[in-house]
Amino acid sequence: MYILIIDILGKDFNSEKIKKYLIENFFIEEERYFSIKIAGNRIEIYLVDKQLIDSILEKIMRLKLSGDEFYIDNKKIPIKEINIKKIESSKLKDKIEIIIKAPIIFKIGSNFLKEFSVFIFFSWILRKYNKVIKEKEILTKENIEKIKILDEKIGKKEICLSNDYKVNGFIGNFTMDISELEVSKKELVKKIIDFAIINKIGYKIDKGFGKILAK
């Protein structure tokens, strides 16, 4: 996992407009999932794909070398410093505890799931991961069937989406036992979970839902 850190000069910038600018000018050629955090004078772009972060960095550096800057609503946003930070994955373990910190909502078609499903949980992550990250190594159905679920403690939380329309959100924790997988598949599972931690899972993630942690 990598973080592209951009420190800018000035203050009182609209974070949503900065995000929109970055997406339109640096991500439009790469239809990939990512997370952008803006706090004060710092922009942090979280990505799993090193090639994409290098591509973004190259575009920003070209902008700097040409003497240009970011302009949002005709307001100049000068760049002070750019850094890349690599976040090392935790030690590979046979058991990974998944903690759902903000309720996960699953919507398939026009239907909202009323019961939690670990299969849907993992399939959701895997579908997004495969769309974004072009891995040579893949998880097969046989691999997934070797993953055992232990100590599942998932509860329901009623979520009001609009007016009186309520759906089930799921919160709690469970443990994945991946001991039967070969090492390369274990490493892939870990990458996929790291991806889910950055990007969240399920419906309405832009509203803060679907946040998970792993340990």
C-alpha atoms as a PDB file:
ATOM      1  CA  MET A   1       0.000   0.000   0.000  1.00  0.00           C
ATOM      2  CA  TYR A   2       1.288   3.477  -0.877  1.00  0.00           C
ATOM      3  CA  ILE A   3       0.430   7.058   0.059  1.00  0.00           C
ATOM      4  CA  LEU A   4       1.201   9.984  -2.236  1.00  0.00           C
ATOM      5  CA  ILE A   5       1.509  12.989   0.087  1.00  0.00           C
ATOM      6  CA  ILE A   6       1.130  16.492  -1.387  1.00  0.00           C
ATOM      7  CA  ASP A   7       1.722  19.459   0.920  1.00  0.00           C
ATOM      8  CA  ILE A   8       0.253  22.706  -0.377  1.00  0.00           C
ATOM      9  CA  LEU A   9       0.681  26.336   0.650  1.00  0.00           C
ATOM     10  CA  GLY A  10      -2.193  28.479   1.788  1.00  0.00           C
ATOM     11  CA  LYS A  11      -5.442  27.666   3.553  1.00  0.00           C
ATOM     12  CA  ASP A  12      -9.230  27.765   3.284  1.00  0.00           C
ATOM     13  CA  PHE A  13      -9.341  25.490   0.238  1.00  0.00           C
ATOM     14  CA  ASN A  14     -12.522  23.597  -0.569  1.00  0.00           C
ATOM     15  CA  SER A  15     -11.575  19.922  -0.096  1.00  0.00           C
ATOM     16  CA  GLU A  16     -14.361  18.621  -2.353  1.00  0.00           C
ATOM     17  CA  LYS A  17     -13.230  20.870  -5.222  1.00  0.00           C
ATOM     18  CA  ILE A  18      -9.628  19.737  -4.727  1.00  0.00           C
ATOM     19  CA  LYS A  19     -10.760  16.097  -4.927  1.00  0.00           C
ATOM     20  CA  LYS A  20     -12.746  16.827  -8.086  1.00  0.00           C
ATOM     21  CA  TYR A  21      -9.745  18.574  -9.649  1.00  0.00           C
ATOM     22  CA  LEU A  22      -7.425  15.668  -8.841  1.00  0.00           C
ATOM     23  CA  ILE A  23      -9.866  13.112 -10.229  1.00  0.00           C
ATOM     24  CA  GLU A  24     -10.499  15.030 -13.443  1.00  0.00           C
ATOM     25  CA  ASN A  25      -6.847  15.914 -14.096  1.00  0.00           C
ATOM     26  CA  PHE A  26      -4.881  12.958 -12.785  1.00  0.00           C
ATOM     27  CA  PHE A  27      -7.164   9.931 -12.499  1.00  0.00           C
ATOM     28  CA  ILE A  28      -9.499  10.191 -15.488  1.00  0.00           C
ATOM     29  CA  GLU A  29      -7.309   7.903 -17.623  1.00  0.00           C
ATOM     30  CA  GLU A  30      -7.228   5.300 -14.879  1.00  0.00           C
ATOM     31  CA  GLU A  31     -10.692   4.101 -13.871  1.00  0.00           C
ATOM     32  CA  ARG A  32      -9.487   2.752 -10.575  1.00  0.00           C
ATOM     33  CA  TYR A  33     -10.688   2.926  -7.026  1.00  0.00           C
ATOM     34  CA  PHE A  34      -8.695   5.041  -4.627  1.00  0.00           C
ATOM     35  CA  SER A  35      -9.056   7.065  -1.455  1.00  0.00           C
ATOM     36  CA  ILE A  36      -8.197  10.750  -1.051  1.00  0.00           C
ATOM     37  CA  LYS A  37      -7.927  12.414   2.346  1.00  0.00           C
ATOM     38  CA  ILE A  38      -7.490  16.155   2.761  1.00  0.00           C
ATOM     39  CA  ALA A  39      -6.676  17.706   6.123  1.00  0.00           C
ATOM     40  CA  GLY A  40      -5.441  21.269   6.431  1.00  0.00           C
ATOM     41  CA  ASN A  41      -2.590  21.775   3.973  1.00  0.00           C
ATOM     42  CA  ARG A  42      -2.010  18.086   3.255  1.00  0.00           C
ATOM     43  CA  ILE A  43      -3.484  15.879   0.537  1.00  0.00           C
ATOM     44  CA  GLU A  44      -3.015  12.113   0.976  1.00  0.00           C
ATOM     45  CA  ILE A  45      -3.795   9.778  -1.928  1.00  0.00           C
ATOM     46  CA  TYR A  46      -3.997   6.108  -0.911  1.00  0.00           C
ATOM     47  CA  LEU A  47      -3.352   3.475  -3.567  1.00  0.00           C
ATOM     48  CA  VAL A  48      -2.436  -0.175  -3.770  1.00  0.00           C
ATOM     49  CA  ASP A  49      -1.069   0.079  -7.318  1.00  0.00           C
ATOM     50  CA  LYS A  50       2.504   1.506  -7.386  1.00  0.00           C
ATOM     51  CA  GLN A  51       2.388   2.045 -11.165  1.00  0.00           C
ATOM     52  CA  LEU A  52      -0.631   4.334 -10.841  1.00  0.00           C
ATOM     53  CA  ILE A  53       0.944   6.396  -8.074  1.00  0.00           C
ATOM     54  CA  ASP A  54       4.086   6.788 -10.228  1.00  0.00           C
ATOM     55  CA  SER A  55       1.893   7.943 -13.113  1.00  0.00           C
ATOM     56  CA  ILE A  56       0.158  10.551 -10.938  1.00  0.00           C
ATOM     57  CA  LEU A  57       3.489  11.734  -9.559  1.00  0.00           C
ATOM     58  CA  GLU A  58       4.886  12.117 -13.085  1.00  0.00           C
ATOM     59  CA  LYS A  59       1.914  14.263 -14.131  1.00  0.00           C
ATOM     60  CA  ILE A  60       2.262  16.484 -11.085  1.00  0.00           C
ATOM     61  CA  MET A  61       6.005  16.894 -11.634  1.00  0.00           C
ATOM     62  CA  ARG A  62       5.427  17.819 -15.294  1.00  0.00           C
ATOM     63  CA  LEU A  63       2.967  20.437 -14.098  1.00  0.00           C
ATOM     64  CA  LYS A  64       5.568  21.839 -11.705  1.00  0.00           C
ATOM     65  CA  LEU A  65       8.393  21.830 -14.257  1.00  0.00           C
ATOM     66  CA  SER A  66       6.259  23.678 -16.780  1.00  0.00           C
ATOM     67  CA  GLY A  67       5.736  26.419 -14.197  1.00  0.00           C
ATOM     68  CA  ASP A  68       2.023  25.687 -13.845  1.00  0.00           C
ATOM     69  CA  GLU A  69       0.119  25.104 -10.599  1.00  0.00           C
ATOM     70  CA  PHE A  70      -3.281  23.878  -9.517  1.00  0.00           C
ATOM     71  CA  TYR A  71      -6.015  26.430 -10.150  1.00  0.00           C
ATOM     72  CA  ILE A  72      -9.440  25.934  -8.584  1.00  0.00           C
ATOM     73  CA  ASP A  73     -12.066  28.648  -9.097  1.00  0.00           C
ATOM     74  CA  ASN A  74      -9.217  30.803 -10.477  1.00  0.00           C
ATOM     75  CA  LYS A  75      -7.426  30.422  -7.148  1.00  0.00           C
ATOM     76  CA  LYS A  76      -3.824  29.266  -7.272  1.00  0.00           C
ATOM     77  CA  ILE A  77      -2.880  26.281  -5.091  1.00  0.00           C
ATOM     78  CA  PRO A  78       0.928  26.161  -4.909  1.00  0.00           C
ATOM     79  CA  ILE A  79       2.590  22.831  -4.123  1.00  0.00           C
ATOM     80  CA  LYS A  80       5.148  22.939  -1.320  1.00  0.00           C
ATOM     81  CA  GLU A  81       6.355  19.324  -1.246  1.00  0.00           C
ATOM     82  CA  ILE A  82       5.562  15.871  -2.647  1.00  0.00           C
ATOM     83  CA  ASN A  83       6.446  12.548  -1.004  1.00  0.00           C
ATOM     84  CA  ILE A  84       5.633   8.873  -1.402  1.00  0.00           C
ATOM     85  CA  LYS A  85       5.234   6.681   1.654  1.00  0.00           C
ATOM     86  CA  LYS A  86       4.995   2.913   1.545  1.00  0.00           C
ATOM     87  CA  ILE A  87       2.934   1.239   4.236  1.00  0.00           C
ATOM     88  CA  GLU A  88       4.297  -2.205   4.903  1.00  0.00           C
ATOM     89  CA  SER A  89       1.720  -4.964   5.219  1.00  0.00           C
ATOM     90  CA  SER A  90       1.497  -6.656   8.562  1.00  0.00           C
ATOM     91  CA  LYS A  91       3.142 -10.049   9.012  1.00  0.00           C
ATOM     92  CA  LEU A  92       1.384 -12.775   7.081  1.00  0.00           C
ATOM     93  CA  LYS A  93      -0.767 -14.844   9.420  1.00  0.00           C
ATOM     94  CA  ASP A  94      -3.002 -17.872   8.997  1.00  0.00           C
ATOM     95  CA  LYS A  95      -5.861 -16.155  10.830  1.00  0.00           C
ATOM     96  CA  ILE A  96      -7.094 -12.649  10.046  1.00  0.00           C
ATOM     97  CA  GLU A  97      -9.701 -10.979  12.223  1.00  0.00           C
ATOM     98  CA  ILE A  98     -12.016  -8.641  10.318  1.00  0.00           C
ATOM     99  CA  ILE A  99     -13.624  -5.881  12.365  1.00  0.00           C
ATOM    100  CA  ILE A 100     -16.511  -3.943  10.818  1.00  0.00           C
ATOM    101  CA  LYS A 101     -16.177  -0.433  12.271  1.00  0.00           C
ATOM    102  CA  ALA A 102     -18.986   1.254  10.313  1.00  0.00           C
ATOM    103  CA  PRO A 103     -22.059  -0.722   9.170  1.00  0.00           C
ATOM    104  CA  ILE A 104     -21.839  -2.496   5.822  1.00  0.00           C
ATOM    105  CA  ILE A 105     -24.900  -2.287   3.566  1.00  0.00           C
ATOM    106  CA  PHE A 106     -25.180  -4.815   0.758  1.00  0.00           C
ATOM    107  CA  LYS A 107     -27.345  -3.950  -2.243  1.00  0.00           C
ATOM    108  CA  ILE A 108     -27.640  -6.393  -5.130  1.00  0.00           C
ATOM    109  CA  GLY A 109     -29.671  -5.003  -7.996  1.00  0.00           C
ATOM    110  CA  SER A 110     -32.598  -3.230  -6.322  1.00  0.00           C
ATOM    111  CA  ASN A 111     -32.559  -5.503  -3.284  1.00  0.00           C
ATOM    112  CA  PHE A 112     -30.900  -4.927   0.075  1.00  0.00           C
ATOM    113  CA  LEU A 113     -29.614  -8.010   1.877  1.00  0.00           C
ATOM    114  CA  LYS A 114     -31.398  -8.780   5.123  1.00  0.00           C
ATOM    115  CA  GLU A 115     -28.774 -11.243   6.366  1.00  0.00           C
ATOM    116  CA  PHE A 116     -24.994 -10.990   6.459  1.00  0.00           C
ATOM    117  CA  SER A 117     -23.074 -13.250   4.097  1.00  0.00           C
ATOM    118  CA  VAL A 118     -19.310 -13.759   4.301  1.00  0.00           C
ATOM    119  CA  PHE A 119     -19.418 -15.042   0.715  1.00  0.00           C
ATOM    120  CA  ILE A 120     -21.020 -11.768  -0.476  1.00  0.00           C
ATOM    121  CA  PHE A 121     -18.561  -9.812   1.694  1.00  0.00           C
ATOM    122  CA  PHE A 122     -15.564 -11.457   0.056  1.00  0.00           C
ATOM    123  CA  SER A 123     -17.066 -11.517  -3.452  1.00  0.00           C
ATOM    124  CA  TRP A 124     -17.774  -7.777  -3.243  1.00  0.00           C
ATOM    125  CA  ILE A 125     -14.165  -6.982  -2.385  1.00  0.00           C
ATOM    126  CA  LEU A 126     -12.796  -9.401  -4.964  1.00  0.00           C
ATOM    127  CA  ARG A 127     -14.919  -7.980  -7.790  1.00  0.00           C
ATOM    128  CA  LYS A 128     -13.686  -4.444  -7.126  1.00  0.00           C
ATOM    129  CA  TYR A 129     -10.101  -5.549  -6.580  1.00  0.00           C
ATOM    130  CA  ASN A 130      -9.987  -7.482  -9.864  1.00  0.00           C
ATOM    131  CA  LYS A 131     -11.410  -4.467 -11.705  1.00  0.00           C
ATOM    132  CA  VAL A 132      -8.727  -2.186 -10.317  1.00  0.00           C
ATOM    133  CA  ILE A 133      -5.612  -4.280  -9.804  1.00  0.00           C
ATOM    134  CA  LYS A 134      -4.362  -6.322 -12.719  1.00  0.00           C
ATOM    135  CA  GLU A 135      -2.926  -9.265 -10.782  1.00  0.00           C
ATOM    136  CA  LYS A 136      -1.371 -12.227 -12.558  1.00  0.00           C
ATOM    137  CA  GLU A 137      -2.221 -14.301  -9.504  1.00  0.00           C
ATOM    138  CA  ILE A 138      -5.949 -14.874  -8.972  1.00  0.00           C
ATOM    139  CA  LEU A 139      -8.144 -16.470  -6.348  1.00  0.00           C
ATOM    140  CA  THR A 140     -10.190 -19.324  -7.762  1.00  0.00           C
ATOM    141  CA  LYS A 141     -13.488 -20.618  -6.427  1.00  0.00           C
ATOM    142  CA  GLU A 142     -11.562 -23.580  -5.023  1.00  0.00           C
ATOM    143  CA  ASN A 143      -9.229 -21.183  -3.163  1.00  0.00           C
ATOM    144  CA  ILE A 144     -12.140 -19.276  -1.648  1.00  0.00           C
ATOM    145  CA  GLU A 145     -13.790 -22.516  -0.503  1.00  0.00           C
ATOM    146  CA  LYS A 146     -10.629 -23.290   1.497  1.00  0.00           C
ATOM    147  CA  ILE A 147     -11.068 -20.122   3.572  1.00  0.00           C
ATOM    148  CA  LYS A 148     -12.766 -21.042   6.841  1.00  0.00           C
ATOM    149  CA  ILE A 149     -14.797 -18.568   8.856  1.00  0.00           C
ATOM    150  CA  LEU A 150     -14.379 -18.715  12.626  1.00  0.00           C
ATOM    151  CA  ASP A 151     -15.998 -16.847  15.522  1.00  0.00           C
ATOM    152  CA  GLU A 152     -18.549 -14.982  13.433  1.00  0.00           C
ATOM    153  CA  LYS A 153     -20.160 -12.299  15.575  1.00  0.00           C
ATOM    154  CA  ILE A 154     -22.155 -10.101  13.233  1.00  0.00           C
ATOM    155  CA  GLY A 155     -25.133  -8.045  14.323  1.00  0.00           C
ATOM    156  CA  LYS A 156     -27.685  -5.948  12.470  1.00  0.00           C
ATOM    157  CA  LYS A 157     -28.094  -2.203  12.704  1.00  0.00           C
ATOM    158  CA  GLU A 158     -31.078  -0.434  11.206  1.00  0.00           C
ATOM    159  CA  ILE A 159     -29.997   2.297   8.777  1.00  0.00           C
ATOM    160  CA  CYS A 160     -32.343   5.052   7.603  1.00  0.00           C
ATOM    161  CA  LEU A 161     -31.352   5.899   4.026  1.00  0.00           C
ATOM    162  CA  SER A 162     -34.041   8.459   3.215  1.00  0.00           C
ATOM    163  CA  ASN A 163     -37.232   9.588   4.882  1.00  0.00           C
ATOM    164  CA  ASP A 164     -38.708   6.410   6.402  1.00  0.00           C
ATOM    165  CA  TYR A 165     -36.829   3.942   4.183  1.00  0.00           C
ATOM    166  CA  LYS A 166     -34.775   1.677   6.413  1.00  0.00           C
ATOM    167  CA  VAL A 167     -32.400  -1.171   5.586  1.00  0.00           C
ATOM    168  CA  ASN A 168     -30.150  -3.530   7.516  1.00  0.00           C
ATOM    169  CA  GLY A 169     -26.518  -2.648   8.041  1.00  0.00           C
ATOM    170  CA  PHE A 170     -24.106  -5.210   9.468  1.00  0.00           C
ATOM    171  CA  ILE A 171     -21.521  -4.635  12.160  1.00  0.00           C
ATOM    172  CA  GLY A 172     -19.306  -6.860  14.283  1.00  0.00           C
ATOM    173  CA  ASN A 173     -16.365  -9.132  13.590  1.00  0.00           C
ATOM    174  CA  PHE A 174     -15.294 -12.541  12.298  1.00  0.00           C
ATOM    175  CA  THR A 175     -12.051 -14.420  11.733  1.00  0.00           C
ATOM    176  CA  MET A 176     -10.792 -15.838   8.437  1.00  0.00           C
ATOM    177  CA  ASP A 177      -8.648 -18.973   8.606  1.00  0.00           C
ATOM    178  CA  ILE A 178      -6.488 -19.117   5.462  1.00  0.00           C
ATOM    179  CA  SER A 179      -4.094 -21.828   6.679  1.00  0.00           C
ATOM    180  CA  GLU A 180      -5.068 -24.233   3.871  1.00  0.00           C
ATOM    181  CA  LEU A 181      -3.996 -21.815   1.136  1.00  0.00           C
ATOM    182  CA  GLU A 182      -0.522 -21.820  -0.382  1.00  0.00           C
ATOM    183  CA  VAL A 183       1.739 -18.882   0.500  1.00  0.00           C
ATOM    184  CA  SER A 184       1.139 -16.928  -2.741  1.00  0.00           C
ATOM    185  CA  LYS A 185      -2.642 -17.129  -2.207  1.00  0.00           C
ATOM    186  CA  LYS A 186      -2.302 -16.038   1.416  1.00  0.00           C
ATOM    187  CA  GLU A 187      -0.345 -12.994   0.242  1.00  0.00           C
ATOM    188  CA  LEU A 188      -3.066 -12.221  -2.289  1.00  0.00           C
ATOM    189  CA  VAL A 189      -5.786 -12.445   0.380  1.00  0.00           C
ATOM    190  CA  LYS A 190      -3.795  -9.975   2.496  1.00  0.00           C
ATOM    191  CA  LYS A 191      -3.516  -7.543  -0.456  1.00  0.00           C
ATOM    192  CA  ILE A 192      -7.254  -7.788  -1.057  1.00  0.00           C
ATOM    193  CA  ILE A 193      -8.039  -7.049   2.589  1.00  0.00           C
ATOM    194  CA  ASP A 194      -5.633  -4.067   2.532  1.00  0.00           C
ATOM    195  CA  PHE A 195      -7.492  -2.828  -0.550  1.00  0.00           C
ATOM    196  CA  ALA A 196     -10.838  -3.134   1.272  1.00  0.00           C
ATOM    197  CA  ILE A 197      -9.521  -1.210   4.287  1.00  0.00           C
ATOM    198  CA  ILE A 198      -8.705   1.747   2.010  1.00  0.00           C
ATOM    199  CA  ASN A 199     -11.787   1.624  -0.189  1.00  0.00           C
ATOM    200  CA  LYS A 200     -14.466   0.311   2.211  1.00  0.00           C
ATOM    201  CA  ILE A 201     -17.135  -2.233   1.314  1.00  0.00           C
ATOM    202  CA  GLY A 202     -20.742  -2.183   0.179  1.00  0.00           C
ATOM    203  CA  TYR A 203     -23.355   0.457  -0.548  1.00  0.00           C
ATOM    204  CA  LYS A 204     -23.121   4.166   0.385  1.00  0.00           C
ATOM    205  CA  ILE A 205     -19.411   4.082   1.245  1.00  0.00           C
ATOM    206  CA  ASP A 206     -19.290   7.783   0.326  1.00  0.00           C
ATOM    207  CA  LYS A 207     -21.513   8.377   3.366  1.00  0.00           C
ATOM    208  CA  GLY A 208     -19.076   6.684   5.726  1.00  0.00           C
ATOM    209  CA  PHE A 209     -20.482   3.151   5.653  1.00  0.00           C
ATOM    210  CA  GLY A 210     -18.480  -0.028   5.064  1.00  0.00           C
ATOM    211  CA  LYS A 211     -15.324   0.754   7.032  1.00  0.00           C
ATOM    212  CA  ILE A 212     -13.318  -2.270   8.185  1.00  0.00           C
ATOM    213  CA  LEU A 213     -10.105  -3.006  10.051  1.00  0.00           C
ATOM    214  CA  ALA A 214      -8.027  -6.182  10.113  1.00  0.00           C
ATOM    215  CA  LYS A 215      -5.693  -7.651  12.706  1.00  0.00           C
END
